[in-house]
Amino acid sequence: MPTLFRFLFVLAAIAGIVYGSMVALVMLVDPHERDVTVRIPSERLNPAAPKQ
């Protein structure tokens, strides 16, 4: 039984570290807004008519 308790304790410790790091990211990191420009080639917007 001690192996099971040790395994559960390790899983609980890992879960606590993950949860704590997620809380730290939410509380400490402030995202910055910025404009994003994506250039689209005109060939994709106005495809050439198929030749007949």
PDB file of N, CA and C in Angstrom:
ATOM      1  N   MET A   1       0.796  -1.204   0.000  1.00  0.00           N
ATOM      2  CA  MET A   1       0.000   0.000   0.000  1.00  0.00           C
ATOM      3  C   MET A   1       0.845   1.277   0.000  1.00  0.00           C
ATOM      4  N   PRO A   2       2.033   1.287   0.588  1.00  0.00           N
ATOM      5  CA  PRO A   2       2.803   2.527   0.581  1.00  0.00           C
ATOM      6  C   PRO A   2       3.130   2.990  -0.839  1.00  0.00           C
ATOM      7  N   THR A   3       3.270   2.060  -1.782  1.00  0.00           N
ATOM      8  CA  THR A   3       3.577   2.456  -3.152  1.00  0.00           C
ATOM      9  C   THR A   3       2.404   3.196  -3.767  1.00  0.00           C
ATOM     10  N   LEU A   4       1.182   2.763  -3.455  1.00  0.00           N
ATOM     11  CA  LEU A   4      -0.009   3.434  -3.973  1.00  0.00           C
ATOM     12  C   LEU A   4      -0.095   4.851  -3.414  1.00  0.00           C
ATOM     13  N   PHE A   5       0.140   5.018  -2.111  1.00  0.00           N
ATOM     14  CA  PHE A   5       0.092   6.349  -1.510  1.00  0.00           C
ATOM     15  C   PHE A   5       1.172   7.252  -2.090  1.00  0.00           C
ATOM     16  N   ARG A   6       2.353   6.715  -2.310  1.00  0.00           N
ATOM     17  CA  ARG A   6       3.435   7.496  -2.898  1.00  0.00           C
ATOM     18  C   ARG A   6       3.056   7.930  -4.311  1.00  0.00           C
ATOM     19  N   PHE A   7       2.474   7.014  -5.094  1.00  0.00           N
ATOM     20  CA  PHE A   7       2.049   7.330  -6.458  1.00  0.00           C
ATOM     21  C   PHE A   7       0.971   8.415  -6.451  1.00  0.00           C
ATOM     22  N   LEU A   8      -0.014   8.283  -5.567  1.00  0.00           N
ATOM     23  CA  LEU A   8      -1.071   9.295  -5.493  1.00  0.00           C
ATOM     24  C   LEU A   8      -0.519  10.636  -5.031  1.00  0.00           C
ATOM     25  N   PHE A   9       0.445  10.611  -4.122  1.00  0.00           N
ATOM     26  CA  PHE A   9       1.055  11.855  -3.668  1.00  0.00           C
ATOM     27  C   PHE A   9       1.820  12.538  -4.798  1.00  0.00           C
ATOM     28  N   VAL A  10       2.535  11.766  -5.601  1.00  0.00           N
ATOM     29  CA  VAL A  10       3.269  12.337  -6.735  1.00  0.00           C
ATOM     30  C   VAL A  10       2.294  12.919  -7.749  1.00  0.00           C
ATOM     31  N   LEU A  11       1.209  12.200  -8.047  1.00  0.00           N
ATOM     32  CA  LEU A  11       0.203  12.738  -8.970  1.00  0.00           C
ATOM     33  C   LEU A  11      -0.430  14.018  -8.431  1.00  0.00           C
ATOM     34  N   ALA A  12      -0.733  14.049  -7.146  1.00  0.00           N
ATOM     35  CA  ALA A  12      -1.317  15.241  -6.542  1.00  0.00           C
ATOM     36  C   ALA A  12      -0.323  16.403  -6.567  1.00  0.00           C
ATOM     37  N   ALA A  13       0.956  16.130  -6.349  1.00  0.00           N
ATOM     38  CA  ALA A  13       1.967  17.186  -6.387  1.00  0.00           C
ATOM     39  C   ALA A  13       2.108  17.749  -7.806  1.00  0.00           C
ATOM     40  N   ILE A  14       2.105  16.878  -8.807  1.00  0.00           N
ATOM     41  CA  ILE A  14       2.197  17.342 -10.199  1.00  0.00           C
ATOM     42  C   ILE A  14       0.968  18.161 -10.564  1.00  0.00           C
ATOM     43  N   ALA A  15      -0.216  17.698 -10.159  1.00  0.00           N
ATOM     44  CA  ALA A  15      -1.445  18.443 -10.433  1.00  0.00           C
ATOM     45  C   ALA A  15      -1.412  19.812  -9.733  1.00  0.00           C
ATOM     46  N   GLY A  16      -0.894  19.860  -8.521  1.00  0.00           N
ATOM     47  CA  GLY A  16      -0.793  21.134  -7.801  1.00  0.00           C
ATOM     48  C   GLY A  16       0.176  22.094  -8.477  1.00  0.00           C
ATOM     49  N   ILE A  17       1.279  21.577  -8.990  1.00  0.00           N
ATOM     50  CA  ILE A  17       2.248  22.427  -9.689  1.00  0.00           C
ATOM     51  C   ILE A  17       1.638  22.972 -10.971  1.00  0.00           C
ATOM     52  N   VAL A  18       0.938  22.120 -11.719  1.00  0.00           N
ATOM     53  CA  VAL A  18       0.296  22.569 -12.963  1.00  0.00           C
ATOM     54  C   VAL A  18      -0.772  23.610 -12.655  1.00  0.00           C
ATOM     55  N   TYR A  19      -1.610  23.346 -11.666  1.00  0.00           N
ATOM     56  CA  TYR A  19      -2.660  24.291 -11.292  1.00  0.00           C
ATOM     57  C   TYR A  19      -2.059  25.611 -10.804  1.00  0.00           C
ATOM     58  N   GLY A  20      -1.022  25.540 -10.005  1.00  0.00           N
ATOM     59  CA  GLY A  20      -0.375  26.749  -9.508  1.00  0.00           C
ATOM     60  C   GLY A  20       0.257  27.564 -10.619  1.00  0.00           C
ATOM     61  N   SER A  21       0.859  26.895 -11.591  1.00  0.00           N
ATOM     62  CA  SER A  21       1.459  27.646 -12.701  1.00  0.00           C
ATOM     63  C   SER A  21       0.381  28.276 -13.577  1.00  0.00           C
ATOM     64  N   MET A  22      -0.766  27.616 -13.750  1.00  0.00           N
ATOM     65  CA  MET A  22      -1.857  28.231 -14.513  1.00  0.00           C
ATOM     66  C   MET A  22      -2.401  29.458 -13.788  1.00  0.00           C
ATOM     67  N   VAL A  23      -2.546  29.373 -12.477  1.00  0.00           N
ATOM     68  CA  VAL A  23      -3.013  30.529 -11.704  1.00  0.00           C
ATOM     69  C   VAL A  23      -2.001  31.662 -11.792  1.00  0.00           C
ATOM     70  N   ALA A  24      -0.711  31.338 -11.726  1.00  0.00           N
ATOM     71  CA  ALA A  24       0.323  32.374 -11.830  1.00  0.00           C
ATOM     72  C   ALA A  24       0.286  33.033 -13.198  1.00  0.00           C
ATOM     73  N   LEU A  25       0.062  32.264 -14.266  1.00  0.00           N
ATOM     74  CA  LEU A  25      -0.031  32.860 -15.602  1.00  0.00           C
ATOM     75  C   LEU A  25      -1.219  33.810 -15.702  1.00  0.00           C
ATOM     76  N   VAL A  26      -2.343  33.419 -15.124  1.00  0.00           N
ATOM     77  CA  VAL A  26      -3.534  34.268 -15.187  1.00  0.00           C
ATOM     78  C   VAL A  26      -3.317  35.550 -14.400  1.00  0.00           C
ATOM     79  N   MET A  27      -2.688  35.461 -13.250  1.00  0.00           N
ATOM     80  CA  MET A  27      -2.555  36.627 -12.381  1.00  0.00           C
ATOM     81  C   MET A  27      -1.399  37.553 -12.782  1.00  0.00           C
ATOM     82  N   LEU A  28      -0.318  37.009 -13.311  1.00  0.00           N
ATOM     83  CA  LEU A  28       0.881  37.805 -13.512  1.00  0.00           C
ATOM     84  C   LEU A  28       1.124  38.254 -14.945  1.00  0.00           C
ATOM     85  N   VAL A  29       0.592  37.541 -15.933  1.00  0.00           N
ATOM     86  CA  VAL A  29       0.875  37.876 -17.327  1.00  0.00           C
ATOM     87  C   VAL A  29      -0.228  38.774 -17.860  1.00  0.00           C
ATOM     88  N   ASP A  30       0.175  39.915 -18.429  1.00  0.00           N
ATOM     89  CA  ASP A  30      -0.781  40.858 -18.992  1.00  0.00           C
ATOM     90  C   ASP A  30      -0.588  40.899 -20.511  1.00  0.00           C
ATOM     91  N   PRO A  31      -1.532  40.347 -21.278  1.00  0.00           N
ATOM     92  CA  PRO A  31      -1.353  40.329 -22.729  1.00  0.00           C
ATOM     93  C   PRO A  31      -1.489  41.736 -23.323  1.00  0.00           C
ATOM     94  N   HIS A  32      -0.732  41.985 -24.378  1.00  0.00           N
ATOM     95  CA  HIS A  32      -0.778  43.279 -25.049  1.00  0.00           C
ATOM     96  C   HIS A  32      -1.544  43.129 -26.356  1.00  0.00           C
ATOM     97  N   GLU A  33      -2.452  44.092 -26.617  1.00  0.00           N
ATOM     98  CA  GLU A  33      -3.188  44.071 -27.875  1.00  0.00           C
ATOM     99  C   GLU A  33      -2.357  44.748 -28.948  1.00  0.00           C
ATOM    100  N   ARG A  34      -2.419  44.205 -30.159  1.00  0.00           N
ATOM    101  CA  ARG A  34      -1.725  44.821 -31.272  1.00  0.00           C
ATOM    102  C   ARG A  34      -2.453  44.480 -32.553  1.00  0.00           C
ATOM    103  N   ASP A  35      -2.253  45.302 -33.574  1.00  0.00           N
ATOM    104  CA  ASP A  35      -2.875  45.076 -34.862  1.00  0.00           C
ATOM    105  C   ASP A  35      -2.091  44.020 -35.626  1.00  0.00           C
ATOM    106  N   VAL A  36      -2.817  43.190 -36.331  1.00  0.00           N
ATOM    107  CA  VAL A  36      -2.205  42.143 -37.137  1.00  0.00           C
ATOM    108  C   VAL A  36      -2.601  42.371 -38.585  1.00  0.00           C
ATOM    109  N   THR A  37      -1.598  42.423 -39.458  1.00  0.00           N
ATOM    110  CA  THR A  37      -1.845  42.602 -40.881  1.00  0.00           C
ATOM    111  C   THR A  37      -1.363  41.360 -41.612  1.00  0.00           C
ATOM    112  N   VAL A  38      -2.255  40.793 -42.408  1.00  0.00           N
ATOM    113  CA  VAL A  38      -1.919  39.608 -43.186  1.00  0.00           C
ATOM    114  C   VAL A  38      -2.064  39.973 -44.652  1.00  0.00           C
ATOM    115  N   ARG A  39      -0.980  39.831 -45.403  1.00  0.00           N
ATOM    116  CA  ARG A  39      -1.021  40.135 -46.838  1.00  0.00           C
ATOM    117  C   ARG A  39      -1.541  38.905 -47.579  1.00  0.00           C
ATOM    118  N   ILE A  40      -2.560  39.144 -48.413  1.00  0.00           N
ATOM    119  CA  ILE A  40      -3.135  38.075 -49.221  1.00  0.00           C
ATOM    120  C   ILE A  40      -2.836  38.402 -50.673  1.00  0.00           C
ATOM    121  N   PRO A  41      -2.209  37.480 -51.400  1.00  0.00           N
ATOM    122  CA  PRO A  41      -1.912  37.750 -52.812  1.00  0.00           C
ATOM    123  C   PRO A  41      -3.200  37.970 -53.603  1.00  0.00           C
ATOM    124  N   SER A  42      -3.132  38.876 -54.584  1.00  0.00           N
ATOM    125  CA  SER A  42      -4.329  39.195 -55.362  1.00  0.00           C
ATOM    126  C   SER A  42      -4.812  37.991 -56.163  1.00  0.00           C
ATOM    127  N   GLU A  43      -3.925  37.042 -56.469  1.00  0.00           N
ATOM    128  CA  GLU A  43      -4.346  35.851 -57.200  1.00  0.00           C
ATOM    129  C   GLU A  43      -5.331  35.011 -56.387  1.00  0.00           C
ATOM    130  N   ARG A  44      -5.208  35.064 -55.096  1.00  0.00           N
ATOM    131  CA  ARG A  44      -6.140  34.294 -54.262  1.00  0.00           C
ATOM    132  C   ARG A  44      -7.478  34.995 -54.147  1.00  0.00           C
ATOM    133  N   LEU A  45      -7.489  36.338 -54.207  1.00  0.00           N
ATOM    134  CA  LEU A  45      -8.746  37.072 -54.109  1.00  0.00           C
ATOM    135  C   LEU A  45      -9.488  37.094 -55.440  1.00  0.00           C
ATOM    136  N   ASN A  46      -8.760  37.284 -56.525  1.00  0.00           N
ATOM    137  CA  ASN A  46      -9.342  37.347 -57.873  1.00  0.00           C
ATOM    138  C   ASN A  46      -8.705  36.271 -58.733  1.00  0.00           C
ATOM    139  N   PRO A  47      -9.167  35.034 -58.616  1.00  0.00           N
ATOM    140  CA  PRO A  47      -8.534  33.973 -59.414  1.00  0.00           C
ATOM    141  C   PRO A  47      -8.783  34.207 -60.899  1.00  0.00           C
ATOM    142  N   ALA A  48      -7.828  33.818 -61.697  1.00  0.00           N
ATOM    143  CA  ALA A  48      -7.949  33.977 -63.145  1.00  0.00           C
ATOM    144  C   ALA A  48      -9.031  33.060 -63.668  1.00  0.00           C
ATOM    145  N   ALA A  49      -9.746  33.546 -64.682  1.00  0.00           N
ATOM    146  CA  ALA A  49     -10.803  32.734 -65.294  1.00  0.00           C
ATOM    147  C   ALA A  49     -10.162  31.575 -66.037  1.00  0.00           C
ATOM    148  N   PRO A  50     -10.773  30.389 -65.987  1.00  0.00           N
ATOM    149  CA  PRO A  50     -10.202  29.242 -66.707  1.00  0.00           C
ATOM    150  C   PRO A  50     -10.244  29.467 -68.210  1.00  0.00           C
ATOM    151  N   LYS A  51      -9.180  29.081 -68.889  1.00  0.00           N
ATOM    152  CA  LYS A  51      -9.106  29.237 -70.339  1.00  0.00           C
ATOM    153  C   LYS A  51      -9.948  28.168 -71.020  1.00  0.00           C
ATOM    154  N   GLN A  52     -10.626  28.595 -72.103  1.00  0.00           N
ATOM    155  CA  GLN A  52     -11.473  27.636 -72.818  1.00  0.00           C
ATOM    156  C   GLN A  52     -10.946  27.387 -74.191  1.00  0.00           C
TER     157      GLN A  52
END
